[in-house]
Amino acid sequence: MIYDPEYNYCPKCQDEYRADIRECAACGVALLSGAEMSEQAGKTDEQRDKRKGELTPDDDIVNIHKGSLADLKPLEKELEAEHIGYLIAGDDQGGCNKGCCASSFYLKVRREDAREAFMIIDRQFEIATGINNHDLSLAGSVYNPEAGEAVCPACGFTFKTSDLTCPDCGLCFG
């Protein structure tokens, strides 16, 4: 991506802002100037180019993720783009052999590439779940039936605890 030095950018979502804006509206993080983003991208490209790419038998590899083949396959292009060697291997237990459950697979990478691979997995999870577009500030709310009022952790609506269901979104607390 080419960054215009006249604008600011979100280092998380890459959104572009006028130079007078200091914080990303979507992510709530401090923006970086186009020059800072270009410098950061150059360092990232340099790190990526130093990676070894495909795995060899001598590599120290670690399991970093377990899931179905369908869960792991979308990560391949991302890992390849970052020059991270990987291996998708079946677990030793296999499936139930009755056709009702799939085998699990492990995603394996070099130990030295694990941090970057975890970041790719996190980014893909946020995209797949849409969690990066939601306000999670109320996710830790607890319904206390002895309190007079409660805040629904799903929608943020305030309601009387005599109701066992949020009148706004229908979340049940009983």
Protein backbone atom coordinates (compact mmCIF):
# COMPACT_ATOMS: atom_id res chain seq x y z
CA MET A 1 0.00 0.00 0.00
CA ILE A 2 1.20 3.52 -0.74
CA TYR A 3 0.73 6.00 2.10
CA ASP A 4 0.18 9.69 1.39
CA PRO A 5 2.31 11.82 3.77
CA GLU A 6 -0.51 14.40 3.86
CA TYR A 7 -2.84 12.00 5.68
CA ASN A 8 -2.95 9.95 8.89
CA TYR A 9 -3.64 6.22 8.97
CA CYS A 10 -4.88 3.68 11.48
CA PRO A 11 -2.12 1.13 12.11
CA LYS A 12 -4.77 -1.51 12.88
CA CYS A 13 -7.46 -1.21 10.19
CA GLN A 14 -5.51 0.90 7.66
CA ASP A 15 -8.29 3.52 7.36
CA GLU A 16 -7.17 6.91 6.02
CA TYR A 17 -7.91 10.19 7.83
CA ARG A 18 -7.28 13.91 7.36
CA ALA A 19 -4.09 15.17 9.00
CA ASP A 20 -6.00 16.91 11.82
CA ILE A 21 -7.66 13.68 13.03
CA ARG A 22 -5.64 11.91 15.75
CA GLU A 23 -7.64 8.78 16.64
CA CYS A 24 -9.28 6.04 14.54
CA ALA A 25 -13.06 6.22 14.83
CA ALA A 26 -13.43 2.45 14.43
CA CYS A 27 -10.50 1.12 16.47
CA GLY A 28 -9.91 3.91 18.99
CA VAL A 29 -6.14 3.80 18.48
CA ALA A 30 -3.77 6.68 17.79
CA LEU A 31 -3.20 7.36 14.11
CA LEU A 32 0.18 7.45 12.42
CA SER A 33 1.27 9.82 9.69
CA GLY A 34 1.71 8.55 6.14
CA ALA A 35 5.48 8.80 6.58
CA GLU A 36 5.38 6.75 9.79
CA MET A 37 3.20 4.11 8.12
CA SER A 38 5.59 3.91 5.14
CA GLU A 39 8.54 3.48 7.50
CA GLN A 40 6.70 0.78 9.45
CA ALA A 41 5.72 -1.01 6.23
CA GLY A 42 9.35 -0.97 5.12
CA LYS A 43 10.45 -2.62 8.37
CA THR A 44 7.70 -5.21 8.06
CA ASP A 45 8.71 -5.99 4.46
CA GLU A 46 12.33 -6.34 5.59
CA GLN A 47 11.34 -8.78 8.35
CA ARG A 48 9.17 -10.77 5.95
CA ASP A 49 11.97 -11.02 3.38
CA LYS A 50 14.35 -12.39 6.04
CA ARG A 51 12.08 -15.35 6.78
CA LYS A 52 13.13 -18.73 5.45
CA GLY A 53 9.86 -19.66 3.74
CA GLU A 54 9.17 -23.38 3.31
CA LEU A 55 9.86 -25.72 6.21
CA THR A 56 12.80 -28.12 6.15
CA PRO A 57 13.35 -31.31 8.17
CA ASP A 58 15.88 -29.48 10.37
CA ASP A 59 13.45 -26.74 11.48
CA ASP A 60 12.21 -26.45 15.07
CA ILE A 61 8.44 -26.49 14.46
CA VAL A 62 5.63 -25.98 16.95
CA ASN A 63 1.86 -26.49 16.92
CA ILE A 64 0.15 -23.11 17.05
CA HIS A 65 -3.46 -23.87 16.18
CA LYS A 66 -5.83 -26.85 16.10
CA GLY A 67 -8.98 -27.04 14.05
CA SER A 68 -10.75 -28.58 11.12
CA LEU A 69 -9.15 -28.51 7.72
CA ALA A 70 -11.79 -25.98 6.64
CA ASP A 71 -10.70 -23.68 9.51
CA LEU A 72 -7.00 -23.93 8.69
CA LYS A 73 -7.06 -23.71 4.89
CA PRO A 74 -7.92 -19.96 4.75
CA LEU A 75 -4.74 -19.21 6.70
CA GLU A 76 -2.49 -20.67 3.98
CA LYS A 77 -2.52 -17.63 1.66
CA GLU A 78 -1.84 -15.26 4.56
CA LEU A 79 1.09 -17.36 5.80
CA GLU A 80 2.53 -17.68 2.29
CA ALA A 81 2.23 -13.92 1.73
CA GLU A 82 4.29 -13.36 4.89
CA HIS A 83 6.87 -16.02 3.87
CA ILE A 84 5.99 -18.13 6.90
CA GLY A 85 6.61 -21.81 6.30
CA TYR A 86 3.81 -24.01 7.63
CA LEU A 87 2.57 -27.56 7.79
CA ILE A 88 -1.00 -28.74 8.29
CA ALA A 89 -0.92 -32.21 9.86
CA GLY A 90 -3.63 -34.47 11.23
CA ASP A 91 -3.74 -35.28 14.91
CA ASP A 92 -2.97 -38.82 16.08
CA GLN A 93 -6.52 -39.58 17.20
CA GLY A 94 -8.33 -38.97 13.93
CA GLY A 95 -12.09 -38.72 13.63
CA CYS A 96 -14.78 -41.00 14.95
CA ASN A 97 -14.88 -42.95 11.66
CA LYS A 98 -18.70 -42.87 11.74
CA GLY A 99 -18.98 -39.89 9.41
CA CYS A 100 -20.42 -37.55 12.04
CA CYS A 101 -17.25 -35.75 13.12
CA ALA A 102 -14.19 -34.59 11.27
CA SER A 103 -10.60 -35.16 12.21
CA SER A 104 -8.69 -32.33 13.82
CA PHE A 105 -5.59 -30.87 12.27
CA TYR A 106 -2.65 -28.91 13.63
CA LEU A 107 -1.12 -25.85 12.04
CA LYS A 108 2.63 -26.00 12.58
CA VAL A 109 5.21 -23.26 11.97
CA ARG A 110 8.83 -22.55 12.86
CA ARG A 111 9.21 -21.51 16.46
CA GLU A 112 10.75 -18.19 15.37
CA ASP A 113 7.71 -17.41 13.14
CA ALA A 114 5.08 -18.32 15.75
CA ARG A 115 4.40 -14.76 16.94
CA GLU A 116 3.69 -13.49 13.43
CA ALA A 117 1.58 -16.57 12.67
CA PHE A 118 -0.48 -15.97 15.84
CA MET A 119 -1.10 -12.40 14.69
CA ILE A 120 -2.42 -13.72 11.36
CA ILE A 121 -4.72 -16.15 13.17
CA ASP A 122 -6.01 -13.34 15.42
CA ARG A 123 -6.63 -11.06 12.43
CA GLN A 124 -8.51 -13.82 10.57
CA PHE A 125 -10.59 -14.59 13.68
CA GLU A 126 -11.58 -10.94 14.03
CA ILE A 127 -12.60 -10.80 10.38
CA ALA A 128 -14.48 -14.11 10.44
CA THR A 129 -16.43 -13.32 13.62
CA GLY A 130 -16.91 -9.62 12.99
CA ILE A 131 -15.71 -9.05 16.55
CA ASN A 132 -13.54 -6.14 15.45
CA ASN A 133 -16.67 -4.18 14.53
CA HIS A 134 -18.48 -4.56 17.86
CA ASP A 135 -18.42 -2.60 21.08
CA LEU A 136 -17.37 -5.15 23.69
CA SER A 137 -17.29 -2.70 26.60
CA LEU A 138 -20.36 -4.32 28.21
CA ALA A 139 -19.33 -7.95 27.54
CA GLY A 140 -18.25 -8.39 31.17
CA SER A 141 -21.53 -7.14 32.61
CA VAL A 142 -23.11 -9.41 35.20
CA TYR A 143 -26.85 -9.71 35.78
CA ASN A 144 -27.50 -9.35 39.51
CA PRO A 145 -31.17 -10.12 40.32
CA GLU A 146 -30.81 -8.44 43.72
CA ALA A 147 -29.90 -5.09 42.16
CA GLY A 148 -32.69 -2.74 41.15
CA GLU A 149 -31.45 -2.32 37.60
CA ALA A 150 -29.19 -4.21 35.24
CA VAL A 151 -27.39 -3.41 32.01
CA CYS A 152 -27.77 -6.03 29.30
CA PRO A 153 -24.31 -7.26 28.22
CA ALA A 154 -25.61 -7.92 24.71
CA CYS A 155 -27.15 -4.56 23.81
CA GLY A 156 -26.44 -2.14 26.68
CA PHE A 157 -30.10 -1.52 27.49
CA THR A 158 -30.83 -0.66 31.14
CA PHE A 159 -33.84 -2.45 32.62
CA LYS A 160 -35.40 -3.42 35.95
CA THR A 161 -34.21 -6.76 37.34
CA SER A 162 -37.81 -7.81 37.96
CA ASP A 163 -37.75 -8.60 34.23
CA LEU A 164 -35.85 -11.82 33.46
CA THR A 165 -35.55 -10.88 29.78
CA CYS A 166 -33.99 -7.78 28.27
CA PRO A 167 -36.91 -5.79 26.80
CA ASP A 168 -34.67 -4.47 24.03
CA CYS A 169 -32.93 -7.54 22.58
CA GLY A 170 -34.66 -10.47 24.30
CA LEU A 171 -31.62 -11.91 26.07
CA CYS A 172 -32.93 -14.20 28.82
CA PHE A 173 -31.50 -14.05 32.36
CA GLY A 174 -33.77 -16.59 34.04
